[in-house]
Amino acid sequence: MAGERGIGPDEVLLSRRTWERLRDALYQLEAASEDVAMDLMAGRPTKAEYVEALGHLSAAVRDLQEIAVEPIALGD
C-alpha cells in the first residue's frame, strides 16, 4: 500500500481524524505550557497556584496521551 501511494521510507500515512486530533492536542499542550509559564512568572505564585498550573498542564498531557496513533501505511 505504501508503494502504491508514493510513501517514502521515512513517511507514515495517518487518517485525517488521527492527524487532526494529534495536531489539536499538541496545540492545546503548547497553549497550556505558555499559560503556565506566564501565570507562574507573574509575581510570586502561591502553592495553590502551582498546584492549579500543574493540573492545567497535566490535563493537556492526558488529552495527548489518549490519542492512539496507528499508521495506515509505513514507507518501505
PDB file of N, CA and C in Angstrom:
ATOM      1  N   MET A   1       0.826  -1.202   0.000  1.00  0.00           N
ATOM      2  CA  MET A   1       0.000   0.000   0.000  1.00  0.00           C
ATOM      3  C   MET A   1       0.864   1.259   0.000  1.00  0.00           C
ATOM      4  N   ALA A   2       1.947   1.245   0.755  1.00  0.00           N
ATOM      5  CA  ALA A   2       2.803   2.428   0.836  1.00  0.00           C
ATOM      6  C   ALA A   2       3.393   2.768  -0.523  1.00  0.00           C
ATOM      7  N   GLY A   3       3.868   1.754  -1.236  1.00  0.00           N
ATOM      8  CA  GLY A   3       4.442   1.989  -2.550  1.00  0.00           C
ATOM      9  C   GLY A   3       3.423   2.536  -3.525  1.00  0.00           C
ATOM     10  N   GLU A   4       2.197   2.034  -3.455  1.00  0.00           N
ATOM     11  CA  GLU A   4       1.128   2.492  -4.330  1.00  0.00           C
ATOM     12  C   GLU A   4       0.803   3.958  -4.106  1.00  0.00           C
ATOM     13  N   ARG A   5       0.962   4.418  -2.890  1.00  0.00           N
ATOM     14  CA  ARG A   5       0.631   5.804  -2.550  1.00  0.00           C
ATOM     15  C   ARG A   5       1.848   6.729  -2.637  1.00  0.00           C
ATOM     16  N   GLY A   6       2.977   6.181  -3.022  1.00  0.00           N
ATOM     17  CA  GLY A   6       4.175   7.004  -3.157  1.00  0.00           C
ATOM     18  C   GLY A   6       4.758   7.452  -1.825  1.00  0.00           C
ATOM     19  N   ILE A   7       4.581   6.649  -0.789  1.00  0.00           N
ATOM     20  CA  ILE A   7       5.083   6.993   0.534  1.00  0.00           C
ATOM     21  C   ILE A   7       6.553   6.596   0.614  1.00  0.00           C
ATOM     22  N   GLY A   8       7.394   7.575   0.966  1.00  0.00           N
ATOM     23  CA  GLY A   8       8.823   7.338   1.068  1.00  0.00           C
ATOM     24  C   GLY A   8       9.192   6.545   2.306  1.00  0.00           C
ATOM     25  N   PRO A   9      10.449   6.109   2.412  1.00  0.00           N
ATOM     26  CA  PRO A   9      10.879   5.272   3.527  1.00  0.00           C
ATOM     27  C   PRO A   9      10.785   5.947   4.897  1.00  0.00           C
ATOM     28  N   ASP A  10      10.799   7.264   4.944  1.00  0.00           N
ATOM     29  CA  ASP A  10      10.704   7.980   6.218  1.00  0.00           C
ATOM     30  C   ASP A  10       9.329   8.591   6.441  1.00  0.00           C
ATOM     31  N   GLU A  11       8.333   8.141   5.710  1.00  0.00           N
ATOM     32  CA  GLU A  11       6.999   8.726   5.800  1.00  0.00           C
ATOM     33  C   GLU A  11       5.998   7.715   6.346  1.00  0.00           C
ATOM     34  N   VAL A  12       4.952   8.258   6.977  1.00  0.00           N
ATOM     35  CA  VAL A  12       3.894   7.443   7.565  1.00  0.00           C
ATOM     36  C   VAL A  12       2.563   8.069   7.158  1.00  0.00           C
ATOM     37  N   LEU A  13       1.594   7.238   6.836  1.00  0.00           N
ATOM     38  CA  LEU A  13       0.266   7.699   6.461  1.00  0.00           C
ATOM     39  C   LEU A  13      -0.669   7.497   7.649  1.00  0.00           C
ATOM     40  N   LEU A  14      -1.344   8.591   8.066  1.00  0.00           N
ATOM     41  CA  LEU A  14      -2.310   8.543   9.164  1.00  0.00           C
ATOM     42  C   LEU A  14      -3.677   8.936   8.627  1.00  0.00           C
ATOM     43  N   SER A  15      -4.720   8.549   9.338  1.00  0.00           N
ATOM     44  CA  SER A  15      -6.054   9.012   8.960  1.00  0.00           C
ATOM     45  C   SER A  15      -6.151  10.503   9.261  1.00  0.00           C
ATOM     46  N   ARG A  16      -7.017  11.179   8.538  1.00  0.00           N
ATOM     47  CA  ARG A  16      -7.224  12.615   8.769  1.00  0.00           C
ATOM     48  C   ARG A  16      -7.683  12.860  10.200  1.00  0.00           C
ATOM     49  N   ARG A  17      -8.571  12.023  10.698  1.00  0.00           N
ATOM     50  CA  ARG A  17      -9.099  12.185  12.063  1.00  0.00           C
ATOM     51  C   ARG A  17      -7.975  12.082  13.096  1.00  0.00           C
ATOM     52  N   THR A  18      -7.089  11.098  12.931  1.00  0.00           N
ATOM     53  CA  THR A  18      -5.964  10.956  13.853  1.00  0.00           C
ATOM     54  C   THR A  18      -5.060  12.172  13.765  1.00  0.00           C
ATOM     55  N   TRP A  19      -4.759  12.611  12.564  1.00  0.00           N
ATOM     56  CA  TRP A  19      -3.890  13.777  12.386  1.00  0.00           C
ATOM     57  C   TRP A  19      -4.501  15.010  13.044  1.00  0.00           C
ATOM     58  N   GLU A  20      -5.798  15.229  12.849  1.00  0.00           N
ATOM     59  CA  GLU A  20      -6.455  16.408  13.419  1.00  0.00           C
ATOM     60  C   GLU A  20      -6.456  16.346  14.943  1.00  0.00           C
ATOM     61  N   ARG A  21      -6.746  15.179  15.500  1.00  0.00           N
ATOM     62  CA  ARG A  21      -6.735  15.029  16.960  1.00  0.00           C
ATOM     63  C   ARG A  21      -5.338  15.264  17.527  1.00  0.00           C
ATOM     64  N   LEU A  22      -4.329  14.716  16.863  1.00  0.00           N
ATOM     65  CA  LEU A  22      -2.952  14.886  17.305  1.00  0.00           C
ATOM     66  C   LEU A  22      -2.528  16.348  17.224  1.00  0.00           C
ATOM     67  N   ARG A  23      -2.827  16.981  16.101  1.00  0.00           N
ATOM     68  CA  ARG A  23      -2.490  18.396  15.917  1.00  0.00           C
ATOM     69  C   ARG A  23      -3.163  19.264  16.975  1.00  0.00           C
ATOM     70  N   ASP A  24      -4.461  19.022  17.220  1.00  0.00           N
ATOM     71  CA  ASP A  24      -5.200  19.812  18.207  1.00  0.00           C
ATOM     72  C   ASP A  24      -4.658  19.598  19.623  1.00  0.00           C
ATOM     73  N   ALA A  25      -4.348  18.359  19.962  1.00  0.00           N
ATOM     74  CA  ALA A  25      -3.829  18.065  21.300  1.00  0.00           C
ATOM     75  C   ALA A  25      -2.454  18.683  21.503  1.00  0.00           C
ATOM     76  N   LEU A  26      -1.624  18.671  20.476  1.00  0.00           N
ATOM     77  CA  LEU A  26      -0.309  19.316  20.584  1.00  0.00           C
ATOM     78  C   LEU A  26      -0.451  20.829  20.747  1.00  0.00           C
ATOM     79  N   TYR A  27      -1.404  21.421  20.034  1.00  0.00           N
ATOM     80  CA  TYR A  27      -1.659  22.854  20.175  1.00  0.00           C
ATOM     81  C   TYR A  27      -2.133  23.168  21.598  1.00  0.00           C
ATOM     82  N   GLN A  28      -3.025  22.340  22.130  1.00  0.00           N
ATOM     83  CA  GLN A  28      -3.524  22.553  23.491  1.00  0.00           C
ATOM     84  C   GLN A  28      -2.397  22.429  24.514  1.00  0.00           C
ATOM     85  N   LEU A  29      -1.497  21.487  24.300  1.00  0.00           N
ATOM     86  CA  LEU A  29      -0.356  21.334  25.205  1.00  0.00           C
ATOM     87  C   LEU A  29       0.558  22.547  25.138  1.00  0.00           C
ATOM     88  N   GLU A  30       0.809  23.034  23.937  1.00  0.00           N
ATOM     89  CA  GLU A  30       1.639  24.228  23.772  1.00  0.00           C
ATOM     90  C   GLU A  30       0.996  25.434  24.465  1.00  0.00           C
ATOM     91  N   ALA A  31      -0.305  25.608  24.273  1.00  0.00           N
ATOM     92  CA  ALA A  31      -1.014  26.725  24.898  1.00  0.00           C
ATOM     93  C   ALA A  31      -0.998  26.598  26.417  1.00  0.00           C
ATOM     94  N   ALA A  32      -1.209  25.390  26.928  1.00  0.00           N
ATOM     95  CA  ALA A  32      -1.191  25.174  28.381  1.00  0.00           C
ATOM     96  C   ALA A  32       0.189  25.488  28.944  1.00  0.00           C
ATOM     97  N   SER A  33       1.214  25.075  28.239  1.00  0.00           N
ATOM     98  CA  SER A  33       2.581  25.341  28.686  1.00  0.00           C
ATOM     99  C   SER A  33       2.852  26.843  28.753  1.00  0.00           C
ATOM    100  N   GLU A  34       2.420  27.559  27.730  1.00  0.00           N
ATOM    101  CA  GLU A  34       2.600  29.017  27.721  1.00  0.00           C
ATOM    102  C   GLU A  34       1.795  29.673  28.831  1.00  0.00           C
ATOM    103  N   ASP A  35       0.555  29.211  29.033  1.00  0.00           N
ATOM    104  CA  ASP A  35      -0.287  29.762  30.104  1.00  0.00           C
ATOM    105  C   ASP A  35       0.372  29.572  31.470  1.00  0.00           C
ATOM    106  N   VAL A  36       0.874  28.371  31.706  1.00  0.00           N
ATOM    107  CA  VAL A  36       1.509  28.068  32.988  1.00  0.00           C
ATOM    108  C   VAL A  36       2.747  28.939  33.182  1.00  0.00           C
ATOM    109  N   ALA A  37       3.559  29.055  32.164  1.00  0.00           N
ATOM    110  CA  ALA A  37       4.769  29.877  32.265  1.00  0.00           C
ATOM    111  C   ALA A  37       4.410  31.326  32.578  1.00  0.00           C
ATOM    112  N   MET A  38       3.432  31.858  31.872  1.00  0.00           N
ATOM    113  CA  MET A  38       3.030  33.256  32.099  1.00  0.00           C
ATOM    114  C   MET A  38       2.460  33.443  33.506  1.00  0.00           C
ATOM    115  N   ASP A  39       1.600  32.507  33.932  1.00  0.00           N
ATOM    116  CA  ASP A  39       0.975  32.626  35.250  1.00  0.00           C
ATOM    117  C   ASP A  39       2.011  32.555  36.368  1.00  0.00           C
ATOM    118  N   LEU A  40       2.975  31.667  36.237  1.00  0.00           N
ATOM    119  CA  LEU A  40       3.949  31.479  37.307  1.00  0.00           C
ATOM    120  C   LEU A  40       5.030  32.549  37.307  1.00  0.00           C
ATOM    121  N   MET A  41       5.228  33.210  36.179  1.00  0.00           N
ATOM    122  CA  MET A  41       6.238  34.269  36.124  1.00  0.00           C
ATOM    123  C   MET A  41       5.690  35.616  36.599  1.00  0.00           C
ATOM    124  N   ALA A  42       4.381  35.707  36.726  1.00  0.00           N
ATOM    125  CA  ALA A  42       3.747  36.956  37.137  1.00  0.00           C
ATOM    126  C   ALA A  42       3.678  37.012  38.660  1.00  0.00           C
ATOM    127  N   GLY A  43       4.570  37.736  39.253  1.00  0.00           N
ATOM    128  CA  GLY A  43       4.549  37.884  40.702  1.00  0.00           C
ATOM    129  C   GLY A  43       5.148  36.706  41.434  1.00  0.00           C
ATOM    130  N   ARG A  44       4.634  36.485  42.630  1.00  0.00           N
ATOM    131  CA  ARG A  44       5.115  35.385  43.482  1.00  0.00           C
ATOM    132  C   ARG A  44       3.993  34.376  43.640  1.00  0.00           C
ATOM    133  N   PRO A  45       4.010  33.316  42.838  1.00  0.00           N
ATOM    134  CA  PRO A  45       2.914  32.348  42.890  1.00  0.00           C
ATOM    135  C   PRO A  45       2.872  31.600  44.225  1.00  0.00           C
ATOM    136  N   THR A  46       1.663  31.303  44.631  1.00  0.00           N
ATOM    137  CA  THR A  46       1.446  30.542  45.858  1.00  0.00           C
ATOM    138  C   THR A  46       1.492  29.048  45.534  1.00  0.00           C
ATOM    139  N   LYS A  47       1.500  28.240  46.577  1.00  0.00           N
ATOM    140  CA  LYS A  47       1.472  26.793  46.389  1.00  0.00           C
ATOM    141  C   LYS A  47       0.208  26.387  45.634  1.00  0.00           C
ATOM    142  N   ALA A  48      -0.903  27.004  45.969  1.00  0.00           N
ATOM    143  CA  ALA A  48      -2.168  26.702  45.296  1.00  0.00           C
ATOM    144  C   ALA A  48      -2.079  27.030  43.803  1.00  0.00           C
ATOM    145  N   GLU A  49      -1.416  28.102  43.472  1.00  0.00           N
ATOM    146  CA  GLU A  49      -1.261  28.468  42.060  1.00  0.00           C
ATOM    147  C   GLU A  49      -0.366  27.468  41.325  1.00  0.00           C
ATOM    148  N   TYR A  50       0.658  26.976  41.992  1.00  0.00           N
ATOM    149  CA  TYR A  50       1.495  25.931  41.390  1.00  0.00           C
ATOM    150  C   TYR A  50       0.685  24.661  41.159  1.00  0.00           C
ATOM    151  N   VAL A  51      -0.123  24.297  42.141  1.00  0.00           N
ATOM    152  CA  VAL A  51      -0.952  23.094  42.019  1.00  0.00           C
ATOM    153  C   VAL A  51      -1.950  23.263  40.869  1.00  0.00           C
ATOM    154  N   GLU A  52      -2.569  24.422  40.763  1.00  0.00           N
ATOM    155  CA  GLU A  52      -3.515  24.692  39.679  1.00  0.00           C
ATOM    156  C   GLU A  52      -2.817  24.651  38.318  1.00  0.00           C
ATOM    157  N   ALA A  53      -1.625  25.235  38.237  1.00  0.00           N
ATOM    158  CA  ALA A  53      -0.867  25.237  36.991  1.00  0.00           C
ATOM    159  C   ALA A  53      -0.493  23.819  36.581  1.00  0.00           C
ATOM    160  N   LEU A  54      -0.060  23.023  37.542  1.00  0.00           N
ATOM    161  CA  LEU A  54       0.296  21.638  37.250  1.00  0.00           C
ATOM    162  C   LEU A  54      -0.932  20.853  36.779  1.00  0.00           C
ATOM    163  N   GLY A  55      -2.070  21.102  37.371  1.00  0.00           N
ATOM    164  CA  GLY A  55      -3.303  20.441  36.949  1.00  0.00           C
ATOM    165  C   GLY A  55      -3.678  20.805  35.522  1.00  0.00           C
ATOM    166  N   HIS A  56      -3.514  22.069  35.172  1.00  0.00           N
ATOM    167  CA  HIS A  56      -3.811  22.548  33.814  1.00  0.00           C
ATOM    168  C   HIS A  56      -2.893  21.869  32.800  1.00  0.00           C
ATOM    169  N   LEU A  57      -1.628  21.825  33.121  1.00  0.00           N
ATOM    170  CA  LEU A  57      -0.648  21.201  32.234  1.00  0.00           C
ATOM    171  C   LEU A  57      -0.871  19.686  32.156  1.00  0.00           C
ATOM    172  N   SER A  58      -1.169  19.079  33.271  1.00  0.00           N
ATOM    173  CA  SER A  58      -1.404  17.641  33.321  1.00  0.00           C
ATOM    174  C   SER A  58      -2.618  17.244  32.483  1.00  0.00           C
ATOM    175  N   ALA A  59      -3.663  18.047  32.497  1.00  0.00           N
ATOM    176  CA  ALA A  59      -4.859  17.759  31.696  1.00  0.00           C
ATOM    177  C   ALA A  59      -4.529  17.774  30.209  1.00  0.00           C
ATOM    178  N   ALA A  60      -3.700  18.716  29.785  1.00  0.00           N
ATOM    179  CA  ALA A  60      -3.306  18.786  28.374  1.00  0.00           C
ATOM    180  C   ALA A  60      -2.459  17.580  27.982  1.00  0.00           C
ATOM    181  N   VAL A  61      -1.610  17.133  28.883  1.00  0.00           N
ATOM    182  CA  VAL A  61      -0.786  15.950  28.608  1.00  0.00           C
ATOM    183  C   VAL A  61      -1.679  14.711  28.507  1.00  0.00           C
ATOM    184  N   ARG A  62      -2.635  14.572  29.387  1.00  0.00           N
ATOM    185  CA  ARG A  62      -3.547  13.411  29.338  1.00  0.00           C
ATOM    186  C   ARG A  62      -4.330  13.377  28.032  1.00  0.00           C
ATOM    187  N   ASP A  63      -4.788  14.541  27.571  1.00  0.00           N
ATOM    188  CA  ASP A  63      -5.505  14.592  26.296  1.00  0.00           C
ATOM    189  C   ASP A  63      -4.624  14.068  25.164  1.00  0.00           C
ATOM    190  N   LEU A  64      -3.371  14.424  25.177  1.00  0.00           N
ATOM    191  CA  LEU A  64      -2.437  13.965  24.153  1.00  0.00           C
ATOM    192  C   LEU A  64      -2.185  12.465  24.285  1.00  0.00           C
ATOM    193  N   GLN A  65      -2.060  11.982  25.502  1.00  0.00           N
ATOM    194  CA  GLN A  65      -1.796  10.562  25.731  1.00  0.00           C
ATOM    195  C   GLN A  65      -2.939   9.672  25.274  1.00  0.00           C
ATOM    196  N   GLU A  66      -4.147  10.196  25.240  1.00  0.00           N
ATOM    197  CA  GLU A  66      -5.312   9.396  24.885  1.00  0.00           C
ATOM    198  C   GLU A  66      -5.444   9.149  23.383  1.00  0.00           C
ATOM    199  N   ILE A  67      -4.620   9.794  22.588  1.00  0.00           N
ATOM    200  CA  ILE A  67      -4.697   9.624  21.142  1.00  0.00           C
ATOM    201  C   ILE A  67      -3.883   8.410  20.725  1.00  0.00           C
ATOM    202  N   ALA A  68      -4.569   7.474  20.085  1.00  0.00           N
ATOM    203  CA  ALA A  68      -3.891   6.283  19.576  1.00  0.00           C
ATOM    204  C   ALA A  68      -3.429   6.570  18.149  1.00  0.00           C
ATOM    205  N   VAL A  69      -2.143   6.635  17.960  1.00  0.00           N
ATOM    206  CA  VAL A  69      -1.592   6.918  16.635  1.00  0.00           C
ATOM    207  C   VAL A  69      -1.230   5.589  15.976  1.00  0.00           C
ATOM    208  N   GLU A  70      -2.099   5.153  15.101  1.00  0.00           N
ATOM    209  CA  GLU A  70      -1.901   3.905  14.371  1.00  0.00           C
ATOM    210  C   GLU A  70      -1.733   4.229  12.897  1.00  0.00           C
ATOM    211  N   PRO A  71      -0.563   4.017  12.341  1.00  0.00           N
ATOM    212  CA  PRO A  71      -0.362   4.326  10.930  1.00  0.00           C
ATOM    213  C   PRO A  71      -1.218   3.437  10.031  1.00  0.00           C
ATOM    214  N   ILE A  72      -1.666   4.018   8.933  1.00  0.00           N
ATOM    215  CA  ILE A  72      -2.391   3.268   7.911  1.00  0.00           C
ATOM    216  C   ILE A  72      -1.370   2.561   7.008  1.00  0.00           C
ATOM    217  N   ALA A  73      -0.266   3.248   6.755  1.00  0.00           N
ATOM    218  CA  ALA A  73       0.789   2.668   5.919  1.00  0.00           C
ATOM    219  C   ALA A  73       2.117   3.262   6.337  1.00  0.00           C
ATOM    220  N   LEU A  74       3.161   2.451   6.227  1.00  0.00           N
ATOM    221  CA  LEU A  74       4.529   2.873   6.525  1.00  0.00           C
ATOM    222  C   LEU A  74       5.337   2.823   5.242  1.00  0.00           C
ATOM    223  N   GLY A  75       6.275   3.769   5.114  1.00  0.00           N
ATOM    224  CA  GLY A  75       7.155   3.747   3.959  1.00  0.00           C
ATOM    225  C   GLY A  75       8.025   2.498   3.987  1.00  0.00           C
ATOM    226  N   ASP A  76       8.502   2.134   2.827  1.00  0.00           N
ATOM    227  CA  ASP A  76       9.326   0.913   2.704  1.00  0.00           C
ATOM    228  C   ASP A  76      10.607   1.000   3.482  1.00  0.00           C
TER     229      ASP A  76
END
